[in-house]
């Protein structure tokens, strides 16, 4: 997580258990010493019949399908699920997944609070493209539930994303359940932070757009953002999207080879802000992927424009060798005085060249 004081803690297991049992057609035994409830269980075992059916639609679009069973006899009782979400591997759905899918099934889509989400393209690998989906949520937009007897406040965020093809079918999905408890003395500081999370994934060419959800569990609110996936042409010489970075942290522990924000013992903390305040330290970050079959040296030109006027134009030729995965990282300190900026990075190798651009604005304090 991209916020120092955001600590994982136990979630409300009791309510989760009640929600799980009732939504799947069961009932919750709150006290195992209650013999009447146990007798009910034994009676059900002796008199229960199961009925199942195969759904007619195979479209795995995440929609909720309501189930209703009507009985011709009045002396029978039926227990059934409320319905099901049409998703791949439905059996793996968690309560966090279902909370987010419920938000995606609302009409109109909920917009209870603001958050940022974006997908960055990094490279093509084995006919799939590597993306990273990033969430940036102001902690102040989440409900802080007071627990005065413990002198703390509780937050609980659920982050969810699914990737769909042009037919609206889910290709991939993930969720992150983030409960947290914060001492009252640290609450003002935490509420100035931003909750940052990113997940890397390999996606096929048919992937078209992303649905992202943030659920504020304590406030029983949610917000949804839907956006297209960026598409890039990948040639023999390639370059990732340029990412605006808040900072570079020292990586603790072994690097995750699947995470494009980790390299050389460091971790980039991305920023999704399109507008930043003056004098804020900023970095532009990208990877260049040279053609391993070419003997030509890799070169870079970096240009920076402010309010459409050229501020800097540099050429770099003594670049490091690619790492074991074929990447050359590029980190650039960028100016943060008021204005509208465009940063352009162009890579050259022999007759091949590729260019990416990043735009952002800086406001006066």
Protein backbone atom coordinates (compact mmCIF):
# COMPACT_ATOMS: atom_id res chain seq x y z
CA UNK A 1 0.00 0.00 0.00
CA UNK A 2 1.21 3.49 -0.74
CA UNK A 3 0.40 5.00 2.65
CA UNK A 4 2.67 4.48 5.63
CA UNK A 5 0.09 4.50 8.40
CA UNK A 6 -2.44 2.24 6.66
CA UNK A 7 -2.38 -0.99 8.69
CA UNK A 8 -4.31 -4.19 7.98
CA UNK A 9 -6.55 -5.42 10.77
CA UNK A 10 -9.24 -8.04 11.32
CA UNK A 11 -12.58 -7.38 9.63
CA UNK A 12 -16.02 -8.00 11.14
CA UNK A 13 -16.04 -11.80 10.87
CA UNK A 14 -19.46 -12.18 12.53
CA UNK A 15 -21.31 -9.99 10.03
CA UNK A 16 -19.38 -11.55 7.13
CA UNK A 17 -20.45 -15.01 8.30
CA UNK A 18 -24.11 -13.92 8.58
CA UNK A 19 -24.02 -12.33 5.10
CA UNK A 20 -22.41 -15.41 3.59
CA UNK A 21 -24.88 -17.92 5.02
CA UNK A 22 -28.04 -15.93 4.32
CA UNK A 23 -27.04 -14.98 0.77
CA UNK A 24 -26.35 -18.63 -0.12
CA UNK A 25 -29.64 -20.01 1.21
CA UNK A 26 -28.55 -21.03 4.72
CA UNK A 27 -28.98 -19.70 8.24
CA UNK A 28 -26.46 -18.70 10.89
CA UNK A 29 -26.12 -20.50 14.23
CA UNK A 30 -25.22 -17.67 16.57
CA UNK A 31 -24.98 -19.94 19.64
CA UNK A 32 -23.96 -23.56 19.19
CA UNK A 33 -25.30 -24.40 22.68
CA UNK A 34 -28.87 -23.75 21.55
CA UNK A 35 -30.32 -27.28 21.24
CA UNK A 36 -33.40 -26.04 19.36
CA UNK A 37 -31.22 -24.73 16.55
CA UNK A 38 -29.25 -27.96 16.44
CA UNK A 39 -32.51 -29.91 16.26
CA UNK A 40 -33.53 -27.75 13.30
CA UNK A 41 -30.31 -28.70 11.56
CA UNK A 42 -30.92 -32.43 12.19
CA UNK A 43 -34.52 -32.17 10.97
CA UNK A 44 -33.36 -30.48 7.79
CA UNK A 45 -30.79 -33.21 7.15
CA UNK A 46 -33.52 -35.88 7.32
CA UNK A 47 -36.10 -34.08 5.21
CA UNK A 48 -34.12 -32.06 2.69
CA UNK A 49 -34.15 -32.47 -1.07
CA UNK A 50 -31.86 -30.63 -3.46
CA UNK A 51 -32.93 -29.21 -6.80
CA UNK A 52 -30.43 -27.78 -9.29
CA UNK A 53 -30.60 -26.39 -12.80
CA UNK A 54 -28.20 -25.28 -15.53
CA UNK A 55 -28.42 -21.65 -16.55
CA UNK A 56 -29.26 -20.97 -20.20
CA UNK A 57 -27.01 -17.92 -20.66
CA UNK A 58 -23.26 -18.47 -20.84
CA UNK A 59 -22.41 -14.72 -20.97
CA UNK A 60 -20.04 -14.11 -18.03
CA UNK A 61 -20.58 -10.37 -17.81
CA UNK A 62 -20.76 -9.97 -14.02
CA UNK A 63 -24.51 -9.33 -14.05
CA UNK A 64 -26.62 -10.52 -11.12
CA UNK A 65 -29.30 -13.09 -11.97
CA UNK A 66 -32.08 -13.39 -9.41
CA UNK A 67 -33.30 -16.86 -8.42
CA UNK A 68 -36.91 -17.41 -7.37
CA UNK A 69 -38.38 -20.82 -6.57
CA UNK A 70 -42.17 -21.16 -6.24
CA UNK A 71 -43.77 -24.20 -4.60
CA UNK A 72 -47.01 -25.83 -5.67
CA UNK A 73 -47.50 -27.22 -2.14
CA UNK A 74 -47.99 -25.09 0.96
CA UNK A 75 -46.56 -27.58 3.48
CA UNK A 76 -42.98 -27.24 2.19
CA UNK A 77 -40.27 -24.66 2.83
CA UNK A 78 -37.62 -23.71 0.27
CA UNK A 79 -34.16 -22.30 1.02
CA UNK A 80 -32.42 -20.81 -1.98
CA UNK A 81 -29.76 -18.35 -2.89
CA UNK A 82 -30.92 -14.86 -3.76
CA UNK A 83 -29.24 -15.33 -7.12
CA UNK A 84 -25.80 -15.50 -8.69
CA UNK A 85 -23.24 -13.28 -10.37
CA UNK A 86 -22.32 -14.44 -13.88
CA UNK A 87 -18.54 -14.46 -13.52
CA UNK A 88 -15.75 -16.91 -14.36
CA UNK A 89 -14.95 -19.21 -11.43
CA UNK A 90 -17.97 -18.11 -9.42
CA UNK A 91 -17.03 -20.45 -6.57
CA UNK A 92 -14.00 -18.25 -5.78
CA UNK A 93 -16.05 -15.09 -5.13
CA UNK A 94 -15.35 -13.50 -1.76
CA UNK A 95 -17.66 -11.23 0.20
CA UNK A 96 -15.48 -8.31 -0.99
CA UNK A 97 -15.99 -9.38 -4.63
CA UNK A 98 -19.76 -9.57 -4.14
CA UNK A 99 -19.91 -6.14 -2.49
CA UNK A 100 -18.17 -4.63 -5.54
CA UNK A 101 -20.29 -6.60 -8.04
CA UNK A 102 -23.44 -5.36 -6.31
CA UNK A 103 -22.22 -1.80 -6.95
CA UNK A 104 -21.61 -2.61 -10.63
CA UNK A 105 -25.18 -3.91 -10.92
CA UNK A 106 -26.72 -0.63 -9.71
CA UNK A 107 -28.43 1.70 -12.17
CA UNK A 108 -27.16 4.34 -12.40
CA UNK A 109 -23.67 3.36 -11.35
CA UNK A 110 -22.93 4.80 -7.89
CA UNK A 111 -20.70 7.88 -7.54
CA UNK A 112 -20.74 8.48 -3.77
CA UNK A 113 -17.19 9.91 -3.60
CA UNK A 114 -14.20 10.63 -5.84
CA UNK A 115 -11.23 8.35 -6.43
CA UNK A 116 -8.72 7.88 -9.23
CA UNK A 117 -7.99 4.71 -11.21
CA UNK A 118 -5.91 4.16 -14.33
CA UNK A 119 -4.34 1.38 -16.39
CA UNK A 120 -0.71 1.71 -17.57
CA UNK A 121 0.67 -0.33 -20.49
CA UNK A 122 4.18 -1.72 -20.02
CA UNK A 123 5.12 -4.32 -22.62
CA UNK A 124 3.97 -7.17 -24.83
CA UNK A 125 4.86 -10.67 -23.61
CA UNK A 126 3.96 -13.93 -25.32
CA UNK A 127 1.13 -12.34 -27.35
CA UNK A 128 -0.29 -10.73 -24.20
CA UNK A 129 0.23 -7.22 -22.89
CA UNK A 130 1.44 -6.38 -19.39
CA UNK A 131 -0.69 -3.76 -17.67
CA UNK A 132 -0.78 -2.31 -14.19
CA UNK A 133 -4.09 -1.08 -12.78
CA UNK A 134 -3.60 1.59 -10.12
CA UNK A 135 -6.04 2.90 -7.49
CA UNK A 136 -5.58 6.21 -5.67
CA UNK A 137 -8.18 6.89 -2.96
CA UNK A 138 -8.10 9.89 -0.59
CA UNK A 139 -8.48 8.46 2.93
CA UNK A 140 -10.59 11.51 3.81
CA UNK A 141 -13.27 10.20 1.42
CA UNK A 142 -13.70 7.02 3.47
CA UNK A 143 -15.93 6.83 6.54
CA UNK A 144 -14.06 6.77 9.85
CA UNK A 145 -16.18 4.79 12.33
CA UNK A 146 -15.50 5.92 15.91
CA UNK A 147 -14.75 3.26 18.51
CA UNK A 148 -14.52 5.50 21.62
CA UNK A 149 -14.07 2.67 24.10
CA UNK A 150 -10.90 1.66 22.24
CA UNK A 151 -9.83 5.26 21.42
CA UNK A 152 -9.60 4.54 17.72
CA UNK A 153 -11.40 4.80 14.40
CA UNK A 154 -12.03 2.03 11.89
CA UNK A 155 -11.86 2.29 8.11
CA UNK A 156 -12.74 -0.45 5.65
CA UNK A 157 -12.15 -0.11 1.90
CA UNK A 158 -12.68 -2.71 -0.83
CA UNK A 159 -10.85 -2.17 -4.13
CA UNK A 160 -12.09 -4.18 -7.12
CA UNK A 161 -11.39 -4.25 -10.85
CA UNK A 162 -12.52 -6.41 -13.73
CA UNK A 163 -11.36 -6.35 -17.34
CA UNK A 164 -13.87 -7.01 -20.12
CA UNK A 165 -13.83 -7.69 -23.86
CA UNK A 166 -15.95 -5.93 -26.48
CA UNK A 167 -18.91 -8.25 -25.69
CA UNK A 168 -18.85 -7.25 -22.02
CA UNK A 169 -17.49 -10.59 -20.82
CA UNK A 170 -15.08 -10.64 -17.88
CA UNK A 171 -11.56 -11.70 -18.87
CA UNK A 172 -9.87 -11.09 -15.52
CA UNK A 173 -10.68 -9.64 -12.11
CA UNK A 174 -9.13 -8.98 -8.71
CA UNK A 175 -10.10 -7.44 -5.38
CA UNK A 176 -8.27 -6.12 -2.33
CA UNK A 177 -9.99 -6.01 1.06
CA UNK A 178 -8.38 -3.31 3.24
CA UNK A 179 -9.71 -3.02 6.80
CA UNK A 180 -7.78 -0.68 9.10
CA UNK A 181 -7.90 0.61 12.67
CA UNK A 182 -6.24 3.94 13.54
CA UNK A 183 -5.58 5.41 16.99
CA UNK A 184 -7.43 8.67 17.57
CA UNK A 185 -4.13 10.58 17.93
CA UNK A 186 -3.08 9.62 14.38
CA UNK A 187 -6.48 10.14 12.72
CA UNK A 188 -5.84 13.70 11.44
CA UNK A 189 -2.57 12.61 9.82
CA UNK A 190 -4.08 9.51 8.23
CA UNK A 191 -6.94 11.48 6.75
CA UNK A 192 -4.46 13.58 4.75
CA UNK A 193 -3.02 10.40 3.18
CA UNK A 194 -4.00 8.61 0.00
CA UNK A 195 -4.57 4.87 -0.23
CA UNK A 196 -2.57 3.64 -3.23
CA UNK A 197 -2.73 0.12 -4.62
CA UNK A 198 -1.60 -1.38 -7.91
CA UNK A 199 -1.93 -4.81 -9.49
CA UNK A 200 -0.04 -6.04 -12.56
CA UNK A 201 -1.60 -8.50 -15.00
CA UNK A 202 -1.09 -10.01 -18.45
CA UNK A 203 -4.11 -9.46 -20.70
CA UNK A 204 -4.97 -10.81 -24.16
CA UNK A 205 -5.54 -8.63 -27.21
CA UNK A 206 -9.33 -8.84 -26.87
CA UNK A 207 -9.26 -6.93 -23.54
CA UNK A 208 -11.01 -3.61 -24.10
CA UNK A 209 -12.01 -1.79 -20.91
CA UNK A 210 -11.79 -1.80 -17.11
CA UNK A 211 -14.48 -1.46 -14.46
CA UNK A 212 -13.10 -0.26 -11.11
CA UNK A 213 -14.98 -0.07 -7.81
CA UNK A 214 -14.16 1.33 -4.37
CA UNK A 215 -16.52 0.27 -1.58
CA UNK A 216 -16.57 2.26 1.67
CA UNK A 217 -17.84 -0.57 3.88
CA UNK A 218 -18.18 1.48 7.06
CA UNK A 219 -20.22 4.12 5.26
CA UNK A 220 -22.13 1.59 3.12
CA UNK A 221 -21.24 3.64 0.03
CA UNK A 222 -19.48 2.90 -3.24
CA UNK A 223 -18.16 4.57 -6.38
CA UNK A 224 -17.45 3.18 -9.85
CA UNK A 225 -15.15 4.29 -12.67
CA UNK A 226 -15.14 2.66 -16.13
CA UNK A 227 -12.43 3.43 -18.68
CA UNK A 228 -10.90 1.91 -21.85
CA UNK A 229 -7.59 0.07 -21.74
CA UNK A 230 -4.78 1.92 -23.51
CA UNK A 231 -3.54 0.04 -26.59
CA UNK A 232 0.01 0.32 -27.85
CA UNK A 233 1.91 -1.00 -30.86
CA UNK A 234 4.79 -3.21 -29.75
CA UNK A 235 7.68 -3.43 -32.21
CA UNK A 236 11.19 -4.79 -31.89
CA UNK A 237 12.04 -1.62 -29.88
CA UNK A 238 9.37 -0.83 -27.29
CA UNK A 239 8.61 1.59 -24.45
CA UNK A 240 6.10 1.57 -21.60
CA UNK A 241 3.70 4.38 -20.79
CA UNK A 242 5.28 7.23 -18.84
CA UNK A 243 4.14 7.32 -15.21
CA UNK A 244 4.21 10.36 -12.93
CA UNK A 245 5.73 9.16 -9.64
CA UNK A 246 5.29 10.50 -6.12
CA UNK A 247 8.56 9.03 -4.92
CA UNK A 248 10.96 6.07 -5.11
CA UNK A 249 11.06 3.80 -2.05
CA UNK A 250 13.74 1.30 -1.10
CA UNK A 251 12.32 -2.17 -1.64
CA UNK A 252 12.19 -4.35 1.44
CA UNK A 253 12.57 -8.07 0.76
CA UNK A 254 12.80 -9.85 -2.57
CA UNK A 255 11.52 -8.10 -5.68
CA UNK A 256 8.30 -9.28 -7.32
CA UNK A 257 9.26 -10.14 -10.89
CA UNK A 258 5.67 -9.59 -12.06
CA UNK A 259 5.46 -6.04 -10.66
CA UNK A 260 6.66 -3.45 -13.21
CA UNK A 261 7.00 -0.79 -10.50
CA UNK A 262 9.85 -2.72 -8.85
CA UNK A 263 13.42 -2.69 -10.18
CA UNK A 264 17.02 -2.59 -8.89
CA UNK A 265 15.94 -2.83 -5.23
CA UNK A 266 13.55 0.11 -5.58
CA UNK A 267 9.81 0.58 -5.85
CA UNK A 268 8.08 3.39 -7.73
CA UNK A 269 5.00 4.83 -5.98
CA UNK A 270 2.82 6.07 -8.87
CA UNK A 271 0.68 9.19 -8.84
CA UNK A 272 -2.55 9.49 -10.82
CA UNK A 273 -2.85 13.25 -10.29
CA UNK A 274 -3.22 15.32 -13.45
CA UNK A 275 -2.78 18.49 -11.42
CA UNK A 276 -0.15 18.97 -8.69
CA UNK A 277 0.91 21.83 -6.44
CA UNK A 278 3.99 23.95 -7.02
CA UNK A 279 7.39 22.86 -5.64
CA UNK A 280 6.18 19.28 -5.18
CA UNK A 281 8.98 16.84 -6.00
CA UNK A 282 8.03 14.85 -9.09
CA UNK A 283 9.54 12.09 -11.20
CA UNK A 284 8.69 10.77 -14.64
CA UNK A 285 9.23 7.01 -14.91
CA UNK A 286 9.25 4.61 -17.87
CA UNK A 287 10.89 1.43 -19.16
CA UNK A 288 12.57 1.08 -22.54
CA UNK A 289 12.80 -2.44 -24.01
CA UNK A 290 15.64 -2.55 -26.59
CA UNK A 291 15.66 -5.05 -29.43
CA UNK A 292 17.83 -7.90 -28.05
CA UNK A 293 18.71 -8.99 -31.60
CA UNK A 294 20.17 -5.60 -32.55
CA UNK A 295 23.83 -4.71 -32.03
CA UNK A 296 23.01 -0.99 -32.25
CA UNK A 297 23.35 1.15 -29.11
CA UNK A 298 20.26 2.53 -27.42
CA UNK A 299 19.85 6.31 -27.31
CA UNK A 300 17.31 8.63 -25.69
CA UNK A 301 16.14 12.18 -26.18
CA UNK A 302 14.11 13.87 -23.46
CA UNK A 303 12.16 17.05 -24.14
CA UNK A 304 10.11 19.11 -21.70
CA UNK A 305 7.63 21.81 -22.70
CA UNK A 306 5.93 24.30 -20.38
CA UNK A 307 2.93 26.16 -21.75
CA UNK A 308 3.90 24.86 -25.22
CA UNK A 309 7.42 26.38 -24.98
CA UNK A 310 10.53 24.19 -25.02
CA UNK A 311 12.25 24.24 -21.63
CA UNK A 312 14.73 21.36 -21.95
CA UNK A 313 16.06 19.13 -24.71
CA UNK A 314 18.59 16.48 -23.64
CA UNK A 315 20.19 13.50 -25.28
CA UNK A 316 21.40 10.43 -23.37
CA UNK A 317 23.64 7.85 -25.01
CA UNK A 318 25.56 6.17 -22.15
CA UNK A 319 22.64 4.13 -20.92
CA UNK A 320 22.87 1.08 -18.65
CA UNK A 321 22.57 -2.42 -20.04
CA UNK A 322 19.10 -4.01 -19.92
CA UNK A 323 18.37 -6.06 -16.80
CA UNK A 324 17.60 -9.79 -16.84
CA UNK A 325 14.08 -9.16 -18.14
CA UNK A 326 15.30 -6.84 -20.95
CA UNK A 327 14.32 -3.50 -19.33
CA UNK A 328 16.16 -0.20 -19.15
CA UNK A 329 14.57 2.08 -16.52
CA UNK A 330 14.29 5.81 -17.20
CA UNK A 331 13.83 8.22 -14.26
CA UNK A 332 13.59 11.96 -14.83
CA UNK A 333 13.28 14.78 -12.28
CA UNK A 334 10.59 17.08 -13.67
CA UNK A 335 9.97 20.73 -12.89
CA UNK A 336 7.10 21.62 -10.58
CA UNK A 337 6.60 25.34 -11.05
CA UNK A 338 3.18 26.57 -12.26
CA UNK A 339 2.29 25.77 -15.85
CA UNK A 340 1.01 23.11 -18.25
CA UNK A 341 3.69 20.51 -18.98
CA UNK A 342 4.43 17.90 -21.61
CA UNK A 343 7.32 15.46 -21.10
CA UNK A 344 8.39 13.48 -24.18
CA UNK A 345 10.80 10.54 -24.18
CA UNK A 346 12.06 9.18 -27.49
CA UNK A 347 14.11 5.98 -27.74
CA UNK A 348 16.31 5.21 -30.77
CA UNK A 349 18.12 2.00 -31.74
CA UNK A 350 19.52 1.91 -35.23
CA UNK A 351 16.68 2.77 -37.63
CA UNK A 352 14.01 2.02 -35.00
CA UNK A 353 12.49 4.72 -32.80
CA UNK A 354 9.53 5.08 -30.46
CA UNK A 355 8.17 8.02 -28.46
CA UNK A 356 5.82 8.41 -25.49
CA UNK A 357 4.45 11.58 -23.88
CA UNK A 358 3.12 12.59 -20.45
CA UNK A 359 1.06 15.70 -19.70
CA UNK A 360 0.26 17.30 -16.34
CA UNK A 361 -0.37 20.72 -14.82
CA UNK A 362 1.19 22.50 -11.85
CA UNK A 363 -0.85 25.00 -9.84
CA UNK A 364 0.48 27.74 -7.61
CA UNK A 365 0.10 27.04 -3.88
